[in-house]
Amino acid sequence: MGAVTKQPIYWSLMVHEDWKIHIAATEKGLCFVGSQNQSFDELLVWAGKRMPGSFLIQDDEKLKPFAMEFYGYLKGAQNSFTAPFDLYGTPFQLSVWDALGKIPYGETRTYSEIANAIQKPASVRAVGTAIGANPLLVTIPCHRVIGKNGSLTGYRGGLEMKVQLLNLEKETSLLSRNLL
């Protein structure tokens, strides 16, 4: 549960081709990336749980630097994000999200591998829960986590979004290897 913050959360609807994603940031950095084609309510519910007392302000200009990175990623021209993050989670969640950020573009890891990476090999289920609470879809690449048997498992943005992101990264990685 987040602390009462009473701070503004700036948001924008990022639209690119068939992608529509709500993104939000505080003065410190990106704090929320929504699921593909979900309503504003997804952001509203998240803000109420994680940043109670905050207030939402639409500001497309303030979110433009974050949106530009997304556009680059979705076009296959950028494979990482440099904009600052403002994360709200438990120490355990933050350690899991940090481990997710270290999964290389175009690669995948299993839940067990993430548990081992944070030196908590017995906490695979808790790792899955922390991954499910990731507020920054795409930018903290939880879509790169798969089941031990290689199966695609749950994803806050839906399995269709997960497949699209993995395919985008696979295609971009193949293209860049062929160009070298």
Protein backbone atom coordinates (compact mmCIF):
# COMPACT_ATOMS: atom_id res chain seq x y z
CA MET A 1 0.00 0.00 0.00
CA GLY A 2 1.36 3.40 -0.94
CA ALA A 3 1.76 6.29 1.44
CA VAL A 4 -0.54 9.28 1.09
CA THR A 5 1.28 11.49 -1.38
CA LYS A 6 -0.91 14.51 -2.26
CA GLN A 7 1.20 14.99 -5.37
CA PRO A 8 0.17 15.41 -8.98
CA ILE A 9 0.36 12.51 -11.38
CA TYR A 10 0.57 13.71 -14.96
CA TRP A 11 -0.89 11.42 -17.59
CA SER A 12 -1.34 11.08 -21.30
CA LEU A 13 -2.84 8.61 -23.74
CA MET A 14 -0.09 7.40 -26.04
CA VAL A 15 -1.39 6.31 -29.44
CA HIS A 16 0.73 4.52 -32.04
CA GLU A 17 -0.88 2.52 -34.85
CA ASP A 18 -3.19 0.08 -33.01
CA TRP A 19 -1.56 0.76 -29.63
CA LYS A 20 -3.36 2.94 -27.09
CA ILE A 21 -1.64 3.05 -23.70
CA HIS A 22 -2.11 5.39 -20.75
CA ILE A 23 1.20 6.56 -19.33
CA ALA A 24 1.72 8.57 -16.17
CA ALA A 25 4.57 10.31 -14.38
CA THR A 26 5.31 12.30 -11.28
CA GLU A 27 7.87 15.10 -11.13
CA LYS A 28 10.46 12.35 -10.43
CA GLY A 29 9.72 10.10 -13.40
CA LEU A 30 7.50 7.58 -15.13
CA CYS A 31 5.31 5.82 -12.56
CA PHE A 32 2.69 3.94 -14.60
CA VAL A 33 2.33 2.31 -18.01
CA GLY A 34 -1.06 0.85 -18.75
CA SER A 35 -2.20 -2.17 -20.68
CA GLN A 36 -2.82 -1.95 -24.38
CA ASN A 37 -6.26 -0.51 -25.25
CA GLN A 38 -7.48 -0.36 -21.63
CA SER A 39 -9.62 2.44 -20.26
CA PHE A 40 -8.47 5.33 -18.08
CA ASP A 41 -9.96 3.41 -15.12
CA GLU A 42 -6.88 1.16 -15.05
CA LEU A 43 -4.71 4.20 -14.20
CA LEU A 44 -7.32 5.57 -11.79
CA VAL A 45 -7.47 2.31 -9.80
CA TRP A 46 -3.66 1.98 -9.72
CA ALA A 47 -3.21 5.59 -8.51
CA GLY A 48 -5.85 5.08 -5.80
CA LYS A 49 -4.02 1.99 -4.48
CA ARG A 50 -0.39 3.00 -4.91
CA MET A 51 -0.50 6.78 -4.52
CA PRO A 52 -3.60 7.61 -2.46
CA GLY A 53 -4.26 11.32 -2.15
CA SER A 54 -2.54 12.11 -5.42
CA PHE A 55 -4.45 13.85 -8.18
CA LEU A 56 -4.39 13.18 -11.91
CA ILE A 57 -3.68 15.92 -14.45
CA GLN A 58 -3.66 15.32 -18.19
CA ASP A 59 -0.47 16.83 -19.62
CA ASP A 60 0.54 15.50 -23.02
CA GLU A 61 3.50 17.88 -23.25
CA LYS A 62 5.01 16.74 -19.92
CA LEU A 63 4.66 13.09 -20.97
CA LYS A 64 6.08 13.67 -24.46
CA PRO A 65 9.66 12.53 -23.60
CA PHE A 66 8.29 9.24 -22.25
CA ALA A 67 5.96 8.82 -25.24
CA MET A 68 8.84 9.44 -27.66
CA GLU A 69 10.77 6.55 -26.11
CA PHE A 70 7.72 4.31 -26.50
CA TYR A 71 7.33 5.30 -30.14
CA GLY A 72 10.99 4.43 -30.72
CA TYR A 73 10.54 1.08 -28.99
CA LEU A 74 7.35 0.20 -30.90
CA LYS A 75 9.02 1.10 -34.20
CA GLY A 76 11.95 -1.19 -33.35
CA ALA A 77 14.37 1.75 -33.31
CA GLN A 78 15.05 1.68 -29.56
CA ASN A 79 15.57 -1.31 -27.29
CA SER A 80 15.85 0.34 -23.88
CA PHE A 81 14.36 3.22 -21.94
CA THR A 82 16.43 6.03 -20.47
CA ALA A 83 13.70 8.19 -18.90
CA PRO A 84 13.70 8.20 -15.07
CA PHE A 85 11.26 6.01 -13.15
CA ASP A 86 9.37 6.77 -9.95
CA LEU A 87 8.46 3.35 -8.57
CA TYR A 88 6.13 2.59 -5.67
CA GLY A 89 6.48 -0.93 -4.29
CA THR A 90 7.84 -3.03 -1.46
CA PRO A 91 11.59 -3.70 -1.22
CA PHE A 92 10.94 -7.22 -2.55
CA GLN A 93 8.94 -5.89 -5.52
CA LEU A 94 11.63 -3.32 -6.26
CA SER A 95 14.30 -6.07 -6.28
CA VAL A 96 12.22 -8.16 -8.70
CA TRP A 97 11.54 -5.16 -10.97
CA ASP A 98 15.26 -4.34 -10.94
CA ALA A 99 16.04 -7.92 -12.04
CA LEU A 100 13.48 -7.64 -14.84
CA GLY A 101 15.25 -4.53 -16.10
CA LYS A 102 18.41 -6.59 -16.55
CA ILE A 103 16.85 -9.08 -18.98
CA PRO A 104 18.43 -8.24 -22.34
CA TYR A 105 16.23 -7.03 -25.18
CA GLY A 106 14.95 -9.94 -27.28
CA GLU A 107 15.67 -12.54 -24.58
CA THR A 108 13.47 -14.25 -22.00
CA ARG A 109 13.93 -15.59 -18.48
CA THR A 110 11.84 -17.91 -16.33
CA TYR A 111 10.30 -17.05 -12.99
CA SER A 112 12.86 -19.38 -11.37
CA GLU A 113 15.72 -17.53 -13.04
CA ILE A 114 14.39 -14.23 -11.67
CA ALA A 115 14.06 -15.77 -8.18
CA ASN A 116 17.68 -16.95 -8.43
CA ALA A 117 18.82 -13.54 -9.72
CA ILE A 118 17.49 -11.87 -6.56
CA GLN A 119 19.01 -14.67 -4.44
CA LYS A 120 15.64 -15.96 -3.27
CA PRO A 121 15.35 -19.28 -5.16
CA ALA A 122 12.42 -20.53 -3.06
CA SER A 123 10.29 -17.47 -3.77
CA VAL A 124 9.14 -18.25 -7.31
CA ARG A 125 5.46 -17.66 -6.47
CA ALA A 126 6.21 -14.35 -4.75
CA VAL A 127 8.31 -13.36 -7.76
CA GLY A 128 5.29 -14.04 -9.97
CA THR A 129 3.11 -11.87 -7.75
CA ALA A 130 5.67 -9.04 -7.81
CA ILE A 131 5.91 -9.29 -11.59
CA GLY A 132 2.11 -9.06 -11.80
CA ALA A 133 2.26 -5.83 -9.76
CA ASN A 134 4.79 -4.20 -12.11
CA PRO A 135 3.40 -0.70 -12.78
CA LEU A 136 5.63 -0.03 -15.79
CA LEU A 137 4.68 -2.45 -18.53
CA VAL A 138 7.14 -2.57 -21.43
CA THR A 139 9.67 -0.25 -19.74
CA ILE A 140 10.30 -2.78 -16.97
CA PRO A 141 10.13 -5.78 -19.31
CA CYS A 142 7.99 -8.29 -17.42
CA HIS A 143 6.78 -9.50 -20.83
CA ARG A 144 10.20 -11.22 -21.11
CA VAL A 145 9.35 -13.65 -18.29
CA ILE A 146 8.00 -17.04 -19.33
CA GLY A 147 7.12 -20.34 -17.68
CA LYS A 148 9.80 -22.94 -16.94
CA ASN A 149 8.54 -25.08 -19.84
CA GLY A 150 8.73 -22.12 -22.24
CA SER A 151 5.01 -21.38 -22.08
CA LEU A 152 3.69 -17.85 -22.11
CA THR A 153 2.16 -17.19 -18.74
CA GLY A 154 -0.06 -14.41 -17.40
CA TYR A 155 0.60 -10.78 -18.18
CA ARG A 156 -1.18 -7.71 -16.79
CA GLY A 157 -1.53 -6.36 -20.31
CA GLY A 158 -2.99 -9.65 -21.57
CA LEU A 159 -1.30 -12.47 -23.44
CA GLU A 160 -1.96 -10.84 -26.82
CA MET A 161 0.08 -7.80 -25.76
CA LYS A 162 2.84 -10.04 -24.39
CA VAL A 163 3.05 -11.96 -27.68
CA GLN A 164 3.15 -8.70 -29.68
CA LEU A 165 6.02 -7.35 -27.54
CA LEU A 166 8.04 -10.58 -27.70
CA ASN A 167 7.53 -10.81 -31.48
CA LEU A 168 8.55 -7.16 -31.93
CA GLU A 169 11.77 -7.75 -29.99
CA LYS A 170 12.48 -11.03 -31.80
CA GLU A 171 11.99 -9.45 -35.23
CA THR A 172 14.04 -6.36 -34.34
CA SER A 173 16.85 -8.52 -32.91
CA LEU A 174 16.91 -10.69 -36.04
CA LEU A 175 16.96 -7.64 -38.29
CA SER A 176 19.81 -6.01 -36.39
CA ARG A 177 21.85 -9.25 -36.43
CA ASN A 178 21.34 -9.57 -40.20
CA LEU A 179 22.48 -5.96 -40.70
CA LEU A 180 25.75 -6.45 -38.80
